Amino acid sequence: MIGLDTNVLLHYLAQDDPVQSPKATALIEGHLTERNRGFVSIVSMAETAWVLKRSYGLTDHEIAATIERIVQAELLIVENEQEVVTAMVGLREGYGTFSDALIGALAVKAGCSRILTFDRKALRLPGFELL
């Protein structure tokens, strides 16, 4: 298994750099195999969603679709995949940001009864309460 940093994933997805994008593509499409998959950490997933929104201007639906493609890629292993899917659904349905939804999903997995926040937008997500 090979760990993939956020920037490798982003250059592959965006195809925005004449030097780094082809290298990322060669790695993901040419080097990864069923026995040698790419590992995408939960941190990389959160960073990817944030950069796609802030730097590339993608909509929440576009980001959710991109996350779905990453999760469905046979040669990638996504850490905490079920929680990533839960967060993706929350983003797609307009409940909050991907990061907020991911925080909520991970808190539920950890057994938290609620998630306290100062973020009023996060209150649209299940389990969040205003502190």
N, C-alpha and C. Protein backbone atom coordinates (compact mmCIF):
# COMPACT_ATOMS: atom_id res chain seq x y z
N MET A 1 0.85 -1.18 0.00
CA MET A 1 0.00 0.00 0.00
C MET A 1 0.90 1.24 0.00
N ILE A 2 0.43 2.25 -0.70
CA ILE A 2 1.17 3.52 -0.81
C ILE A 2 0.27 4.65 -0.32
N GLY A 3 0.76 5.44 0.61
CA GLY A 3 0.00 6.59 1.08
C GLY A 3 0.03 7.71 0.06
N LEU A 4 -1.09 8.35 -0.14
CA LEU A 4 -1.17 9.47 -1.09
C LEU A 4 -1.43 10.76 -0.32
N ASP A 5 -0.55 11.72 -0.49
CA ASP A 5 -0.73 13.02 0.13
C ASP A 5 -1.83 13.78 -0.61
N THR A 6 -2.38 14.75 0.07
CA THR A 6 -3.47 15.55 -0.50
C THR A 6 -3.08 16.16 -1.83
N ASN A 7 -1.85 16.68 -1.93
CA ASN A 7 -1.47 17.36 -3.17
C ASN A 7 -1.40 16.40 -4.36
N VAL A 8 -1.03 15.15 -4.13
CA VAL A 8 -1.04 14.16 -5.21
C VAL A 8 -2.47 13.92 -5.68
N LEU A 9 -3.36 13.74 -4.74
CA LEU A 9 -4.76 13.51 -5.06
C LEU A 9 -5.35 14.72 -5.81
N LEU A 10 -5.06 15.92 -5.32
CA LEU A 10 -5.60 17.12 -5.95
C LEU A 10 -5.07 17.33 -7.36
N HIS A 11 -3.77 17.13 -7.56
CA HIS A 11 -3.23 17.31 -8.91
C HIS A 11 -3.77 16.25 -9.86
N TYR A 12 -4.06 15.07 -9.36
CA TYR A 12 -4.69 14.05 -10.19
C TYR A 12 -6.12 14.46 -10.55
N LEU A 13 -6.87 14.90 -9.56
CA LEU A 13 -8.27 15.28 -9.80
C LEU A 13 -8.40 16.50 -10.68
N ALA A 14 -7.60 17.52 -10.41
CA ALA A 14 -7.74 18.80 -11.10
C ALA A 14 -7.01 18.85 -12.43
N GLN A 15 -5.98 18.02 -12.61
CA GLN A 15 -5.16 18.07 -13.81
C GLN A 15 -4.77 19.51 -14.13
N ASP A 16 -4.20 20.17 -13.11
CA ASP A 16 -3.95 21.60 -13.19
C ASP A 16 -2.47 21.99 -13.27
N ASP A 17 -1.58 21.04 -13.24
CA ASP A 17 -0.16 21.35 -13.25
C ASP A 17 0.53 20.53 -14.34
N PRO A 18 1.26 21.20 -15.24
CA PRO A 18 1.84 20.48 -16.38
C PRO A 18 2.92 19.47 -15.98
N VAL A 19 3.51 19.61 -14.82
CA VAL A 19 4.54 18.67 -14.38
C VAL A 19 4.00 17.66 -13.38
N GLN A 20 3.31 18.16 -12.35
CA GLN A 20 2.88 17.28 -11.26
C GLN A 20 1.63 16.45 -11.60
N SER A 21 0.71 16.99 -12.36
CA SER A 21 -0.51 16.24 -12.70
C SER A 21 -0.20 14.96 -13.47
N PRO A 22 0.66 15.01 -14.50
CA PRO A 22 0.99 13.75 -15.19
C PRO A 22 1.66 12.73 -14.28
N LYS A 23 2.48 13.19 -13.34
CA LYS A 23 3.12 12.27 -12.40
C LYS A 23 2.08 11.62 -11.49
N ALA A 24 1.12 12.42 -11.02
CA ALA A 24 0.05 11.89 -10.16
C ALA A 24 -0.80 10.90 -10.95
N THR A 25 -1.09 11.21 -12.19
CA THR A 25 -1.88 10.32 -13.04
C THR A 25 -1.15 9.02 -13.29
N ALA A 26 0.14 9.11 -13.60
CA ALA A 26 0.94 7.90 -13.83
C ALA A 26 0.94 7.01 -12.59
N LEU A 27 1.05 7.60 -11.42
CA LEU A 27 1.03 6.83 -10.19
C LEU A 27 -0.33 6.15 -9.99
N ILE A 28 -1.39 6.95 -10.04
CA ILE A 28 -2.72 6.43 -9.72
C ILE A 28 -3.25 5.48 -10.79
N GLU A 29 -3.03 5.81 -12.04
CA GLU A 29 -3.58 4.97 -13.11
C GLU A 29 -2.62 3.90 -13.60
N GLY A 30 -1.34 4.08 -13.33
CA GLY A 30 -0.37 3.13 -13.87
C GLY A 30 0.37 2.29 -12.86
N HIS A 31 0.56 2.80 -11.67
CA HIS A 31 1.39 2.11 -10.69
C HIS A 31 0.56 1.35 -9.64
N LEU A 32 -0.57 1.89 -9.28
CA LEU A 32 -1.39 1.23 -8.27
C LEU A 32 -2.02 -0.02 -8.85
N THR A 33 -2.08 -1.05 -8.03
CA THR A 33 -2.67 -2.32 -8.43
C THR A 33 -3.55 -2.85 -7.30
N GLU A 34 -4.23 -3.93 -7.57
CA GLU A 34 -5.06 -4.58 -6.55
C GLU A 34 -4.23 -4.96 -5.33
N ARG A 35 -2.99 -5.33 -5.54
CA ARG A 35 -2.10 -5.73 -4.44
C ARG A 35 -1.31 -4.56 -3.88
N ASN A 36 -1.30 -3.44 -4.57
CA ASN A 36 -0.53 -2.27 -4.15
C ASN A 36 -1.39 -1.02 -4.31
N ARG A 37 -2.37 -0.90 -3.43
CA ARG A 37 -3.36 0.18 -3.52
C ARG A 37 -2.83 1.47 -2.92
N GLY A 38 -3.56 2.55 -3.21
CA GLY A 38 -3.25 3.86 -2.64
C GLY A 38 -4.11 4.10 -1.41
N PHE A 39 -3.49 4.59 -0.35
CA PHE A 39 -4.19 4.88 0.89
C PHE A 39 -4.46 6.38 0.98
N VAL A 40 -5.72 6.74 1.20
CA VAL A 40 -6.12 8.14 1.35
C VAL A 40 -6.61 8.32 2.79
N SER A 41 -5.88 9.13 3.55
CA SER A 41 -6.23 9.33 4.96
C SER A 41 -7.45 10.23 5.11
N ILE A 42 -8.03 10.16 6.28
CA ILE A 42 -9.17 11.01 6.60
C ILE A 42 -8.79 12.48 6.52
N VAL A 43 -7.55 12.79 6.91
CA VAL A 43 -7.05 14.17 6.83
C VAL A 43 -6.98 14.61 5.37
N SER A 44 -6.47 13.75 4.51
CA SER A 44 -6.41 14.09 3.08
C SER A 44 -7.79 14.29 2.48
N MET A 45 -8.76 13.51 2.94
CA MET A 45 -10.12 13.70 2.44
C MET A 45 -10.67 15.06 2.84
N ALA A 46 -10.46 15.44 4.10
CA ALA A 46 -10.94 16.74 4.58
C ALA A 46 -10.22 17.88 3.85
N GLU A 47 -8.91 17.76 3.70
CA GLU A 47 -8.16 18.80 2.99
C GLU A 47 -8.59 18.89 1.54
N THR A 48 -8.81 17.76 0.91
CA THR A 48 -9.23 17.75 -0.50
C THR A 48 -10.55 18.48 -0.67
N ALA A 49 -11.52 18.18 0.19
CA ALA A 49 -12.82 18.86 0.10
C ALA A 49 -12.66 20.36 0.30
N TRP A 50 -11.83 20.76 1.26
CA TRP A 50 -11.63 22.18 1.55
C TRP A 50 -10.98 22.89 0.36
N VAL A 51 -9.93 22.29 -0.21
CA VAL A 51 -9.22 22.92 -1.34
C VAL A 51 -10.12 22.97 -2.57
N LEU A 52 -10.89 21.92 -2.81
CA LEU A 52 -11.80 21.94 -3.96
C LEU A 52 -12.81 23.08 -3.85
N LYS A 53 -13.24 23.37 -2.64
CA LYS A 53 -14.19 24.47 -2.41
C LYS A 53 -13.50 25.83 -2.51
N ARG A 54 -12.43 26.00 -1.74
CA ARG A 54 -11.79 27.31 -1.62
C ARG A 54 -10.92 27.70 -2.81
N SER A 55 -10.16 26.77 -3.32
CA SER A 55 -9.22 27.11 -4.39
C SER A 55 -9.77 26.88 -5.79
N TYR A 56 -10.61 25.86 -5.93
CA TYR A 56 -11.12 25.52 -7.25
C TYR A 56 -12.57 25.95 -7.46
N GLY A 57 -13.23 26.38 -6.39
CA GLY A 57 -14.59 26.91 -6.51
C GLY A 57 -15.66 25.90 -6.84
N LEU A 58 -15.43 24.63 -6.53
CA LEU A 58 -16.45 23.62 -6.80
C LEU A 58 -17.64 23.79 -5.87
N THR A 59 -18.81 23.42 -6.36
CA THR A 59 -20.02 23.46 -5.54
C THR A 59 -20.01 22.26 -4.60
N ASP A 60 -20.89 22.29 -3.61
CA ASP A 60 -21.00 21.16 -2.68
C ASP A 60 -21.35 19.87 -3.41
N HIS A 61 -22.24 19.96 -4.41
CA HIS A 61 -22.62 18.77 -5.17
C HIS A 61 -21.43 18.23 -5.97
N GLU A 62 -20.63 19.12 -6.55
CA GLU A 62 -19.45 18.68 -7.29
C GLU A 62 -18.42 18.04 -6.36
N ILE A 63 -18.26 18.62 -5.19
CA ILE A 63 -17.32 18.05 -4.20
C ILE A 63 -17.82 16.68 -3.75
N ALA A 64 -19.11 16.56 -3.48
CA ALA A 64 -19.68 15.27 -3.07
C ALA A 64 -19.48 14.22 -4.16
N ALA A 65 -19.67 14.61 -5.41
CA ALA A 65 -19.48 13.68 -6.52
C ALA A 65 -18.01 13.25 -6.63
N THR A 66 -17.10 14.18 -6.39
CA THR A 66 -15.67 13.87 -6.42
C THR A 66 -15.32 12.91 -5.29
N ILE A 67 -15.82 13.17 -4.10
CA ILE A 67 -15.57 12.29 -2.96
C ILE A 67 -16.13 10.90 -3.25
N GLU A 68 -17.31 10.85 -3.85
CA GLU A 68 -17.90 9.56 -4.19
C GLU A 68 -17.01 8.79 -5.16
N ARG A 69 -16.45 9.47 -6.15
CA ARG A 69 -15.55 8.80 -7.10
C ARG A 69 -14.30 8.26 -6.39
N ILE A 70 -13.78 9.03 -5.44
CA ILE A 70 -12.59 8.59 -4.70
C ILE A 70 -12.94 7.33 -3.90
N VAL A 71 -14.05 7.36 -3.20
CA VAL A 71 -14.45 6.21 -2.37
C VAL A 71 -14.70 4.97 -3.24
N GLN A 72 -15.25 5.16 -4.42
CA GLN A 72 -15.58 4.04 -5.29
C GLN A 72 -14.39 3.51 -6.09
N ALA A 73 -13.29 4.25 -6.11
CA ALA A 73 -12.12 3.82 -6.88
C ALA A 73 -11.56 2.52 -6.28
N GLU A 74 -11.51 1.49 -7.08
CA GLU A 74 -11.09 0.17 -6.61
C GLU A 74 -9.65 0.14 -6.11
N LEU A 75 -8.81 1.00 -6.63
CA LEU A 75 -7.40 0.95 -6.26
C LEU A 75 -7.05 1.91 -5.12
N LEU A 76 -8.07 2.54 -4.53
CA LEU A 76 -7.84 3.42 -3.40
C LEU A 76 -8.52 2.87 -2.15
N ILE A 77 -7.85 3.00 -1.04
CA ILE A 77 -8.42 2.65 0.26
C ILE A 77 -8.59 3.95 1.02
N VAL A 78 -9.81 4.26 1.40
CA VAL A 78 -10.10 5.50 2.11
C VAL A 78 -10.27 5.18 3.59
N GLU A 79 -9.49 5.84 4.42
CA GLU A 79 -9.59 5.65 5.86
C GLU A 79 -10.98 6.07 6.34
N ASN A 80 -11.54 5.30 7.25
CA ASN A 80 -12.87 5.58 7.79
C ASN A 80 -13.89 5.80 6.66
N GLU A 81 -13.89 4.89 5.73
CA GLU A 81 -14.70 5.04 4.53
C GLU A 81 -16.18 5.29 4.83
N GLN A 82 -16.74 4.57 5.77
CA GLN A 82 -18.17 4.73 6.07
C GLN A 82 -18.46 6.14 6.57
N GLU A 83 -17.59 6.69 7.40
CA GLU A 83 -17.79 8.04 7.92
C GLU A 83 -17.59 9.07 6.81
N VAL A 84 -16.69 8.81 5.89
CA VAL A 84 -16.50 9.69 4.73
C VAL A 84 -17.77 9.69 3.88
N VAL A 85 -18.36 8.52 3.67
CA VAL A 85 -19.61 8.43 2.90
C VAL A 85 -20.73 9.19 3.62
N THR A 86 -20.83 9.02 4.93
CA THR A 86 -21.84 9.74 5.71
C THR A 86 -21.66 11.25 5.55
N ALA A 87 -20.43 11.72 5.63
CA ALA A 87 -20.14 13.15 5.47
C ALA A 87 -20.45 13.62 4.05
N MET A 88 -20.16 12.78 3.07
CA MET A 88 -20.45 13.12 1.68
C MET A 88 -21.95 13.30 1.47
N VAL A 89 -22.73 12.41 2.06
CA VAL A 89 -24.18 12.50 1.94
C VAL A 89 -24.68 13.79 2.61
N GLY A 90 -24.13 14.11 3.79
CA GLY A 90 -24.50 15.35 4.47
C GLY A 90 -24.19 16.57 3.63
N LEU A 91 -23.04 16.56 2.98
CA LEU A 91 -22.65 17.67 2.10
C LEU A 91 -23.60 17.75 0.90
N ARG A 92 -23.87 16.61 0.30
CA ARG A 92 -24.75 16.57 -0.88
C ARG A 92 -26.15 17.07 -0.55
N GLU A 93 -26.62 16.77 0.65
CA GLU A 93 -27.98 17.16 1.04
C GLU A 93 -28.04 18.55 1.66
N GLY A 94 -26.90 19.24 1.73
CA GLY A 94 -26.89 20.63 2.18
C GLY A 94 -26.94 20.83 3.68
N TYR A 95 -26.52 19.82 4.45
CA TYR A 95 -26.57 19.94 5.90
C TYR A 95 -25.41 20.72 6.50
N GLY A 96 -24.35 20.89 5.78
CA GLY A 96 -23.19 21.60 6.30
C GLY A 96 -21.97 21.28 5.46
N THR A 97 -20.82 21.71 5.95
CA THR A 97 -19.59 21.46 5.21
C THR A 97 -19.19 19.99 5.34
N PHE A 98 -18.33 19.55 4.44
CA PHE A 98 -17.83 18.19 4.51
C PHE A 98 -17.09 17.97 5.83
N SER A 99 -16.27 18.92 6.23
CA SER A 99 -15.52 18.78 7.48
C SER A 99 -16.44 18.67 8.68
N ASP A 100 -17.47 19.51 8.76
CA ASP A 100 -18.41 19.43 9.87
C ASP A 100 -19.12 18.07 9.89
N ALA A 101 -19.56 17.63 8.72
CA ALA A 101 -20.25 16.35 8.64
C ALA A 101 -19.32 15.20 9.01
N LEU A 102 -18.05 15.33 8.64
CA LEU A 102 -17.07 14.31 8.98
C LEU A 102 -16.80 14.28 10.48
N ILE A 103 -16.69 15.45 11.08
CA ILE A 103 -16.54 15.53 12.54
C ILE A 103 -17.71 14.84 13.23
N GLY A 104 -18.91 15.10 12.75
CA GLY A 104 -20.09 14.48 13.33
C GLY A 104 -20.09 12.97 13.16
N ALA A 105 -19.76 12.49 11.98
CA ALA A 105 -19.75 11.05 11.72
C ALA A 105 -18.70 10.35 12.57
N LEU A 106 -17.53 10.96 12.72
CA LEU A 106 -16.48 10.36 13.53
C LEU A 106 -16.84 10.38 15.01
N ALA A 107 -17.53 11.43 15.44
CA ALA A 107 -17.96 11.52 16.84
C ALA A 107 -18.98 10.43 17.15
N VAL A 108 -19.92 10.21 16.24
CA VAL A 108 -20.91 9.15 16.42
C VAL A 108 -20.20 7.80 16.49
N LYS A 109 -19.25 7.57 15.59
CA LYS A 109 -18.50 6.31 15.60
C LYS A 109 -17.78 6.11 16.94
N ALA A 110 -17.29 7.21 17.51
CA ALA A 110 -16.56 7.14 18.78
C ALA A 110 -17.50 6.97 19.98
N GLY A 111 -18.81 7.09 19.74
CA GLY A 111 -19.77 6.91 20.82
C GLY A 111 -20.22 8.19 21.49
N CYS A 112 -19.94 9.32 20.89
CA CYS A 112 -20.36 10.61 21.47
C CYS A 112 -21.88 10.75 21.40
N SER A 113 -22.46 11.29 22.45
CA SER A 113 -23.90 11.50 22.47
C SER A 113 -24.29 12.80 21.78
N ARG A 114 -23.34 13.72 21.66
CA ARG A 114 -23.60 15.00 20.99
C ARG A 114 -22.27 15.64 20.65
N ILE A 115 -22.34 16.64 19.77
CA ILE A 115 -21.16 17.39 19.35
C ILE A 115 -21.46 18.86 19.64
N LEU A 116 -20.68 19.46 20.51
CA LEU A 116 -20.88 20.86 20.87
C LEU A 116 -20.10 21.75 19.93
N THR A 117 -20.72 22.86 19.55
CA THR A 117 -20.11 23.75 18.58
C THR A 117 -20.55 25.19 18.80
N PHE A 118 -19.77 26.11 18.25
CA PHE A 118 -20.16 27.51 18.16
C PHE A 118 -20.67 27.82 16.75
N ASP A 119 -20.51 26.89 15.84
CA ASP A 119 -20.83 27.06 14.43
C ASP A 119 -22.32 26.81 14.19
N ARG A 120 -23.07 27.88 13.96
CA ARG A 120 -24.52 27.76 13.77
C ARG A 120 -24.88 26.96 12.52
N LYS A 121 -24.04 27.01 11.49
CA LYS A 121 -24.33 26.23 10.29
C LYS A 121 -24.24 24.73 10.56
N ALA A 122 -23.35 24.35 11.46
CA ALA A 122 -23.19 22.93 11.79
C ALA A 122 -24.41 22.37 12.51
N LEU A 123 -25.26 23.23 13.04
CA LEU A 123 -26.44 22.78 13.77
C LEU A 123 -27.43 22.05 12.87
N ARG A 124 -27.29 22.19 11.56
CA ARG A 124 -28.15 21.47 10.62
C ARG A 124 -27.83 19.98 10.60
N LEU A 125 -26.66 19.63 11.11
CA LEU A 125 -26.23 18.23 11.12
C LEU A 125 -26.75 17.53 12.37
N PRO A 126 -27.08 16.26 12.26
CA PRO A 126 -27.58 15.52 13.43
C PRO A 126 -26.52 15.45 14.53
N GLY A 127 -26.96 15.65 15.75
CA GLY A 127 -26.09 15.50 16.90
C GLY A 127 -25.36 16.75 17.33
N PHE A 128 -25.38 17.79 16.52
CA PHE A 128 -24.68 19.03 16.87
C PHE A 128 -25.57 19.89 17.76
N GLU A 129 -24.96 20.47 18.78
CA GLU A 129 -25.67 21.38 19.69
C GLU A 129 -24.80 22.62 19.91
N LEU A 130 -25.47 23.74 20.05
CA LEU A 130 -24.78 25.00 20.30
C LEU A 130 -24.29 25.05 21.73
N LEU A 131 -23.03 25.43 21.90
CA LEU A 131 -22.46 25.56 23.24
C LEU A 131 -22.81 26.92 23.79
